Amino acid sequence: MLDSCTTVCKELRMKFNNSKSYCIVFGKCPKSSIDPMRLDMDIIYWTVSVKYLGVHIGSGKNLFIEIHTSRRSFLTMQKR
């Protein structure tokens, strides 16, 4: 799938920002047993959590979503 993304981006003259791309694992498979992912010959690094639209998503056997930080920020802004 990543090779297809690279091909389409080259056709459209676009480029991925690999510094903002990460791989994350959910389920039983530990990340150490998965080969490194590459997008246009650049490595996409593995991580244990990602922040997407202000929500923290964590890896592990189960999907973990942490919204308390975002909710706290929202409530603080509402009090002003």
PDB file of N, CA and C in Angstrom:
ATOM      1  N   MET A   1       0.826  -1.182   0.000  1.00  0.00           N
ATOM      2  CA  MET A   1       0.000   0.000   0.000  1.00  0.00           C
ATOM      3  C   MET A   1       0.879   1.258   0.000  1.00  0.00           C
ATOM      4  N   LEU A   2       1.970   1.221   0.768  1.00  0.00           N
ATOM      5  CA  LEU A   2       2.853   2.381   0.794  1.00  0.00           C
ATOM      6  C   LEU A   2       3.521   2.611  -0.557  1.00  0.00           C
ATOM      7  N   ASP A   3       3.842   1.524  -1.273  1.00  0.00           N
ATOM      8  CA  ASP A   3       4.405   1.658  -2.620  1.00  0.00           C
ATOM      9  C   ASP A   3       3.389   2.308  -3.560  1.00  0.00           C
ATOM     10  N   SER A   4       2.120   1.953  -3.413  1.00  0.00           N
ATOM     11  CA  SER A   4       1.067   2.563  -4.238  1.00  0.00           C
ATOM     12  C   SER A   4       0.942   4.052  -3.935  1.00  0.00           C
ATOM     13  N   CYS A   5       1.030   4.407  -2.655  1.00  0.00           N
ATOM     14  CA  CYS A   5       0.970   5.820  -2.267  1.00  0.00           C
ATOM     15  C   CYS A   5       2.123   6.598  -2.888  1.00  0.00           C
ATOM     16  N   THR A   6       3.315   6.005  -2.861  1.00  0.00           N
ATOM     17  CA  THR A   6       4.490   6.648  -3.449  1.00  0.00           C
ATOM     18  C   THR A   6       4.305   6.860  -4.947  1.00  0.00           C
ATOM     19  N   THR A   7       3.800   5.850  -5.635  1.00  0.00           N
ATOM     20  CA  THR A   7       3.587   5.938  -7.082  1.00  0.00           C
ATOM     21  C   THR A   7       2.592   7.038  -7.428  1.00  0.00           C
ATOM     22  N   VAL A   8       1.481   7.074  -6.737  1.00  0.00           N
ATOM     23  CA  VAL A   8       0.450   8.084  -7.008  1.00  0.00           C
ATOM     24  C   VAL A   8       0.974   9.484  -6.699  1.00  0.00           C
ATOM     25  N   CYS A   9       1.705   9.626  -5.614  1.00  0.00           N
ATOM     26  CA  CYS A   9       2.250  10.939  -5.266  1.00  0.00           C
ATOM     27  C   CYS A   9       3.242  11.434  -6.311  1.00  0.00           C
ATOM     28  N   LYS A  10       4.055  10.533  -6.840  1.00  0.00           N
ATOM     29  CA  LYS A  10       4.990  10.935  -7.895  1.00  0.00           C
ATOM     30  C   LYS A  10       4.236  11.385  -9.136  1.00  0.00           C
ATOM     31  N   GLU A  11       3.149  10.693  -9.480  1.00  0.00           N
ATOM     32  CA  GLU A  11       2.336  11.085 -10.636  1.00  0.00           C
ATOM     33  C   GLU A  11       1.694  12.448 -10.424  1.00  0.00           C
ATOM     34  N   LEU A  12       1.312  12.739  -9.184  1.00  0.00           N
ATOM     35  CA  LEU A  12       0.656  14.019  -8.868  1.00  0.00           C
ATOM     36  C   LEU A  12       1.651  15.109  -8.476  1.00  0.00           C
ATOM     37  N   ARG A  13       2.944  14.757  -8.471  1.00  0.00           N
ATOM     38  CA  ARG A  13       4.019  15.677  -8.080  1.00  0.00           C
ATOM     39  C   ARG A  13       3.829  16.186  -6.655  1.00  0.00           C
ATOM     40  N   MET A  14       3.471  15.256  -5.786  1.00  0.00           N
ATOM     41  CA  MET A  14       3.314  15.551  -4.368  1.00  0.00           C
ATOM     42  C   MET A  14       4.387  14.788  -3.598  1.00  0.00           C
ATOM     43  N   LYS A  15       4.591  15.170  -2.338  1.00  0.00           N
ATOM     44  CA  LYS A  15       5.571  14.486  -1.517  1.00  0.00           C
ATOM     45  C   LYS A  15       5.018  14.343  -0.107  1.00  0.00           C
ATOM     46  N   PHE A  16       5.227  13.169   0.489  1.00  0.00           N
ATOM     47  CA  PHE A  16       4.839  12.939   1.871  1.00  0.00           C
ATOM     48  C   PHE A  16       5.828  13.613   2.795  1.00  0.00           C
ATOM     49  N   ASN A  17       5.334  14.071   3.938  1.00  0.00           N
ATOM     50  CA  ASN A  17       6.208  14.600   4.984  1.00  0.00           C
ATOM     51  C   ASN A  17       6.445  13.465   5.974  1.00  0.00           C
ATOM     52  N   ASN A  18       7.512  12.708   5.773  1.00  0.00           N
ATOM     53  CA  ASN A  18       7.787  11.548   6.612  1.00  0.00           C
ATOM     54  C   ASN A  18       8.087  11.914   8.045  1.00  0.00           C
ATOM     55  N   SER A  19       8.482  13.154   8.310  1.00  0.00           N
ATOM     56  CA  SER A  19       8.750  13.547   9.696  1.00  0.00           C
ATOM     57  C   SER A  19       7.455  13.654  10.506  1.00  0.00           C
ATOM     58  N   LYS A  20       6.318  13.682   9.823  1.00  0.00           N
ATOM     59  CA  LYS A  20       5.021  13.734  10.512  1.00  0.00           C
ATOM     60  C   LYS A  20       4.246  12.431  10.382  1.00  0.00           C
ATOM     61  N   SER A  21       4.899  11.386   9.895  1.00  0.00           N
ATOM     62  CA  SER A  21       4.254  10.085   9.704  1.00  0.00           C
ATOM     63  C   SER A  21       4.860   9.072  10.662  1.00  0.00           C
ATOM     64  N   TYR A  22       4.005   8.259  11.270  1.00  0.00           N
ATOM     65  CA  TYR A  22       4.461   7.253  12.223  1.00  0.00           C
ATOM     66  C   TYR A  22       3.693   5.961  12.021  1.00  0.00           C
ATOM     67  N   CYS A  23       4.300   4.860  12.443  1.00  0.00           N
ATOM     68  CA  CYS A  23       3.638   3.565  12.465  1.00  0.00           C
ATOM     69  C   CYS A  23       3.298   3.251  13.915  1.00  0.00           C
ATOM     70  N   ILE A  24       2.152   2.638  14.133  1.00  0.00           N
ATOM     71  CA  ILE A  24       1.713   2.275  15.474  1.00  0.00           C
ATOM     72  C   ILE A  24       1.030   0.911  15.380  1.00  0.00           C
ATOM     73  N   VAL A  25       1.206   0.075  16.395  1.00  0.00           N
ATOM     74  CA  VAL A  25       0.680  -1.296  16.379  1.00  0.00           C
ATOM     75  C   VAL A  25      -0.426  -1.446  17.412  1.00  0.00           C
ATOM     76  N   PHE A  26      -1.504  -2.106  17.012  1.00  0.00           N
ATOM     77  CA  PHE A  26      -2.591  -2.467  17.918  1.00  0.00           C
ATOM     78  C   PHE A  26      -2.763  -3.972  17.844  1.00  0.00           C
ATOM     79  N   GLY A  27      -2.976  -4.610  18.967  1.00  0.00           N
ATOM     80  CA  GLY A  27      -3.199  -6.050  18.974  1.00  0.00           C
ATOM     81  C   GLY A  27      -2.038  -6.820  19.559  1.00  0.00           C
ATOM     82  N   LYS A  28      -2.001  -8.105  19.267  1.00  0.00           N
ATOM     83  CA  LYS A  28      -1.030  -9.006  19.890  1.00  0.00           C
ATOM     84  C   LYS A  28       0.369  -8.910  19.313  1.00  0.00           C
ATOM     85  N   CYS A  29       0.520  -8.431  18.102  1.00  0.00           N
ATOM     86  CA  CYS A  29       1.812  -8.446  17.419  1.00  0.00           C
ATOM     87  C   CYS A  29       2.727  -7.338  17.946  1.00  0.00           C
ATOM     88  N   PRO A  30       3.837  -7.691  18.581  1.00  0.00           N
ATOM     89  CA  PRO A  30       4.766  -6.649  19.040  1.00  0.00           C
ATOM     90  C   PRO A  30       5.479  -6.006  17.859  1.00  0.00           C
ATOM     91  N   LYS A  31       5.777  -4.722  17.974  1.00  0.00           N
ATOM     92  CA  LYS A  31       6.387  -4.008  16.858  1.00  0.00           C
ATOM     93  C   LYS A  31       7.764  -4.542  16.497  1.00  0.00           C
ATOM     94  N   SER A  32       8.439  -5.220  17.422  1.00  0.00           N
ATOM     95  CA  SER A  32       9.773  -5.739  17.137  1.00  0.00           C
ATOM     96  C   SER A  32       9.747  -6.857  16.099  1.00  0.00           C
ATOM     97  N   SER A  33       8.589  -7.462  15.868  1.00  0.00           N
ATOM     98  CA  SER A  33       8.500  -8.544  14.895  1.00  0.00           C
ATOM     99  C   SER A  33       8.058  -8.061  13.514  1.00  0.00           C
ATOM    100  N   ILE A  34       7.921  -6.761  13.343  1.00  0.00           N
ATOM    101  CA  ILE A  34       7.479  -6.195  12.069  1.00  0.00           C
ATOM    102  C   ILE A  34       8.653  -5.450  11.428  1.00  0.00           C
ATOM    103  N   ASP A  35       8.876  -5.691  10.159  1.00  0.00           N
ATOM    104  CA  ASP A  35       9.948  -5.003   9.445  1.00  0.00           C
ATOM    105  C   ASP A  35       9.675  -3.493   9.393  1.00  0.00           C
ATOM    106  N   PRO A  36      10.731  -2.703   9.298  1.00  0.00           N
ATOM    107  CA  PRO A  36      10.541  -1.247   9.176  1.00  0.00           C
ATOM    108  C   PRO A  36       9.730  -0.908   7.926  1.00  0.00           C
ATOM    109  N   MET A  37       8.899   0.093   8.037  1.00  0.00           N
ATOM    110  CA  MET A  37       8.092   0.550   6.907  1.00  0.00           C
ATOM    111  C   MET A  37       8.854   1.662   6.191  1.00  0.00           C
ATOM    112  N   ARG A  38       8.726   1.697   4.878  1.00  0.00           N
ATOM    113  CA  ARG A  38       9.392   2.738   4.094  1.00  0.00           C
ATOM    114  C   ARG A  38       8.366   3.389   3.170  1.00  0.00           C
ATOM    115  N   LEU A  39       8.480   4.687   3.080  1.00  0.00           N
ATOM    116  CA  LEU A  39       7.637   5.465   2.177  1.00  0.00           C
ATOM    117  C   LEU A  39       8.566   6.318   1.322  1.00  0.00           C
ATOM    118  N   ASP A  40       8.638   5.999   0.046  1.00  0.00           N
ATOM    119  CA  ASP A  40       9.536   6.683  -0.881  1.00  0.00           C
ATOM    120  C   ASP A  40      10.988   6.631  -0.386  1.00  0.00           C
ATOM    121  N   MET A  41      11.416   5.446   0.040  1.00  0.00           N
ATOM    122  CA  MET A  41      12.773   5.147   0.495  1.00  0.00           C
ATOM    123  C   MET A  41      13.135   5.762   1.854  1.00  0.00           C
ATOM    124  N   ASP A  42      12.228   6.467   2.486  1.00  0.00           N
ATOM    125  CA  ASP A  42      12.464   7.010   3.825  1.00  0.00           C
ATOM    126  C   ASP A  42      11.770   6.116   4.840  1.00  0.00           C
ATOM    127  N   ILE A  43      12.399   5.929   5.983  1.00  0.00           N
ATOM    128  CA  ILE A  43      11.824   5.098   7.046  1.00  0.00           C
ATOM    129  C   ILE A  43      10.712   5.855   7.753  1.00  0.00           C
ATOM    130  N   ILE A  44       9.628   5.150   8.019  1.00  0.00           N
ATOM    131  CA  ILE A  44       8.569   5.684   8.877  1.00  0.00           C
ATOM    132  C   ILE A  44       8.786   5.044  10.240  1.00  0.00           C
ATOM    133  N   TYR A  45       9.030   5.855  11.238  1.00  0.00           N
ATOM    134  CA  TYR A  45       9.409   5.356  12.552  1.00  0.00           C
ATOM    135  C   TYR A  45       8.216   4.811  13.331  1.00  0.00           C
ATOM    136  N   TRP A  46       8.489   3.799  14.155  1.00  0.00           N
ATOM    137  CA  TRP A  46       7.493   3.200  15.032  1.00  0.00           C
ATOM    138  C   TRP A  46       7.382   4.047  16.297  1.00  0.00           C
ATOM    139  N   THR A  47       6.194   4.135  16.837  1.00  0.00           N
ATOM    140  CA  THR A  47       5.979   4.871  18.075  1.00  0.00           C
ATOM    141  C   THR A  47       4.923   4.152  18.915  1.00  0.00           C
ATOM    142  N   VAL A  48       4.843   4.500  20.187  1.00  0.00           N
ATOM    143  CA  VAL A  48       3.847   3.878  21.065  1.00  0.00           C
ATOM    144  C   VAL A  48       2.604   4.743  21.212  1.00  0.00           C
ATOM    145  N   SER A  49       2.690   6.013  20.795  1.00  0.00           N
ATOM    146  CA  SER A  49       1.500   6.871  20.833  1.00  0.00           C
ATOM    147  C   SER A  49       1.630   7.967  19.787  1.00  0.00           C
ATOM    148  N   VAL A  50       0.487   8.446  19.333  1.00  0.00           N
ATOM    149  CA  VAL A  50       0.424   9.518  18.350  1.00  0.00           C
ATOM    150  C   VAL A  50      -0.607  10.524  18.802  1.00  0.00           C
ATOM    151  N   LYS A  51      -0.406  11.774  18.446  1.00  0.00           N
ATOM    152  CA  LYS A  51      -1.402  12.799  18.709  1.00  0.00           C
ATOM    153  C   LYS A  51      -2.036  13.164  17.368  1.00  0.00           C
ATOM    154  N   TYR A  52      -3.352  12.994  17.270  1.00  0.00           N
ATOM    155  CA  TYR A  52      -4.073  13.281  16.040  1.00  0.00           C
ATOM    156  C   TYR A  52      -5.271  14.160  16.375  1.00  0.00           C
ATOM    157  N   LEU A  53      -5.286  15.355  15.836  1.00  0.00           N
ATOM    158  CA  LEU A  53      -6.356  16.322  16.092  1.00  0.00           C
ATOM    159  C   LEU A  53      -6.572  16.537  17.590  1.00  0.00           C
ATOM    160  N   GLY A  54      -5.491  16.587  18.340  1.00  0.00           N
ATOM    161  CA  GLY A  54      -5.566  16.856  19.772  1.00  0.00           C
ATOM    162  C   GLY A  54      -5.895  15.661  20.639  1.00  0.00           C
ATOM    163  N   VAL A  55      -6.054  14.503  20.040  1.00  0.00           N
ATOM    164  CA  VAL A  55      -6.383  13.289  20.780  1.00  0.00           C
ATOM    165  C   VAL A  55      -5.169  12.372  20.760  1.00  0.00           C
ATOM    166  N   HIS A  56      -4.778  11.846  21.923  1.00  0.00           N
ATOM    167  CA  HIS A  56      -3.651  10.924  22.010  1.00  0.00           C
ATOM    168  C   HIS A  56      -4.145   9.491  21.819  1.00  0.00           C
ATOM    169  N   ILE A  57      -3.523   8.783  20.887  1.00  0.00           N
ATOM    170  CA  ILE A  57      -3.862   7.392  20.589  1.00  0.00           C
ATOM    171  C   ILE A  57      -2.652   6.548  20.965  1.00  0.00           C
ATOM    172  N   GLY A  58      -2.869   5.531  21.806  1.00  0.00           N
ATOM    173  CA  GLY A  58      -1.769   4.699  22.279  1.00  0.00           C
ATOM    174  C   GLY A  58      -1.846   3.290  21.737  1.00  0.00           C
ATOM    175  N   SER A  59      -0.675   2.680  21.571  1.00  0.00           N
ATOM    176  CA  SER A  59      -0.617   1.311  21.065  1.00  0.00           C
ATOM    177  C   SER A  59      -0.673   0.317  22.219  1.00  0.00           C
ATOM    178  N   GLY A  60      -0.804  -0.932  21.887  1.00  0.00           N
ATOM    179  CA  GLY A  60      -0.862  -1.998  22.878  1.00  0.00           C
ATOM    180  C   GLY A  60      -1.810  -3.081  22.419  1.00  0.00           C
ATOM    181  N   LYS A  61      -2.133  -3.977  23.340  1.00  0.00           N
ATOM    182  CA  LYS A  61      -3.071  -5.051  22.985  1.00  0.00           C
ATOM    183  C   LYS A  61      -4.441  -4.500  22.650  1.00  0.00           C
ATOM    184  N   ASN A  62      -4.796  -3.382  23.273  1.00  0.00           N
ATOM    185  CA  ASN A  62      -6.073  -2.725  23.009  1.00  0.00           C
ATOM    186  C   ASN A  62      -5.823  -1.295  22.561  1.00  0.00           C
ATOM    187  N   LEU A  63      -6.734  -0.761  21.789  1.00  0.00           N
ATOM    188  CA  LEU A  63      -6.661   0.627  21.365  1.00  0.00           C
ATOM    189  C   LEU A  63      -6.881   1.516  22.578  1.00  0.00           C
ATOM    190  N   PHE A  64      -6.018   2.512  22.762  1.00  0.00           N
ATOM    191  CA  PHE A  64      -6.123   3.421  23.895  1.00  0.00           C
ATOM    192  C   PHE A  64      -6.237   4.839  23.365  1.00  0.00           C
ATOM    193  N   ILE A  65      -7.308   5.533  23.747  1.00  0.00           N
ATOM    194  CA  ILE A  65      -7.514   6.917  23.340  1.00  0.00           C
ATOM    195  C   ILE A  65      -7.624   7.762  24.590  1.00  0.00           C
ATOM    196  N   GLU A  66      -6.789   8.801  24.679  1.00  0.00           N
ATOM    197  CA  GLU A  66      -6.763   9.660  25.859  1.00  0.00           C
ATOM    198  C   GLU A  66      -7.253  11.044  25.440  1.00  0.00           C
ATOM    199  N   ILE A  67      -8.383  11.467  25.990  1.00  0.00           N
ATOM    200  CA  ILE A  67      -8.947  12.772  25.635  1.00  0.00           C
ATOM    201  C   ILE A  67      -8.944  13.742  26.806  1.00  0.00           C
ATOM    202  N   HIS A  68      -8.452  13.310  27.957  1.00  0.00           N
ATOM    203  CA  HIS A  68      -8.521  14.170  29.143  1.00  0.00           C
ATOM    204  C   HIS A  68      -7.759  15.479  28.963  1.00  0.00           C
ATOM    205  N   THR A  69      -6.597  15.439  28.306  1.00  0.00           N
ATOM    206  CA  THR A  69      -5.823  16.655  28.085  1.00  0.00           C
ATOM    207  C   THR A  69      -6.602  17.634  27.216  1.00  0.00           C
ATOM    208  N   SER A  70      -7.199  17.143  26.147  1.00  0.00           N
ATOM    209  CA  SER A  70      -7.983  18.002  25.252  1.00  0.00           C
ATOM    210  C   SER A  70      -9.214  18.536  25.963  1.00  0.00           C
ATOM    211  N   ARG A  71      -9.871  17.677  26.730  1.00  0.00           N
ATOM    212  CA  ARG A  71     -11.066  18.105  27.450  1.00  0.00           C
ATOM    213  C   ARG A  71     -10.719  19.159  28.488  1.00  0.00           C
ATOM    214  N   ARG A  72      -9.599  18.962  29.178  1.00  0.00           N
ATOM    215  CA  ARG A  72      -9.167  19.922  30.190  1.00  0.00           C
ATOM    216  C   ARG A  72      -8.862  21.264  29.539  1.00  0.00           C
ATOM    217  N   SER A  73      -8.189  21.264  28.390  1.00  0.00           N
ATOM    218  CA  SER A  73      -7.889  22.497  27.666  1.00  0.00           C
ATOM    219  C   SER A  73      -9.171  23.191  27.229  1.00  0.00           C
ATOM    220  N   PHE A  74     -10.123  22.414  26.746  1.00  0.00           N
ATOM    221  CA  PHE A  74     -11.399  22.971  26.292  1.00  0.00           C
ATOM    222  C   PHE A  74     -12.142  23.614  27.455  1.00  0.00           C
ATOM    223  N   LEU A  75     -12.199  22.905  28.588  1.00  0.00           N
ATOM    224  CA  LEU A  75     -12.906  23.449  29.744  1.00  0.00           C
ATOM    225  C   LEU A  75     -12.225  24.693  30.298  1.00  0.00           C
ATOM    226  N   THR A  76     -10.905  24.739  30.264  1.00  0.00           N
ATOM    227  CA  THR A  76     -10.163  25.910  30.718  1.00  0.00           C
ATOM    228  C   THR A  76     -10.478  27.094  29.838  1.00  0.00           C
ATOM    229  N   MET A  77     -10.567  26.863  28.526  1.00  0.00           N
ATOM    230  CA  MET A  77     -10.880  27.950  27.593  1.00  0.00           C
ATOM    231  C   MET A  77     -12.301  28.457  27.812  1.00  0.00           C
ATOM    232  N   GLN A  78     -13.222  27.583  28.151  1.00  0.00           N
ATOM    233  CA  GLN A  78     -14.618  27.958  28.354  1.00  0.00           C
ATOM    234  C   GLN A  78     -14.796  28.848  29.575  1.00  0.00           C
ATOM    235  N   LYS A  79     -13.937  28.690  30.590  1.00  0.00           N
ATOM    236  CA  LYS A  79     -14.047  29.457  31.823  1.00  0.00           C
ATOM    237  C   LYS A  79     -13.561  30.886  31.654  1.00  0.00           C
ATOM    238  N   ARG A  80     -12.786  31.164  30.643  1.00  0.00           N
ATOM    239  CA  ARG A  80     -12.229  32.513  30.427  1.00  0.00           C
ATOM    240  C   ARG A  80     -13.256  33.490  30.015  1.00  0.00           C
TER     241      ARG A  80
END
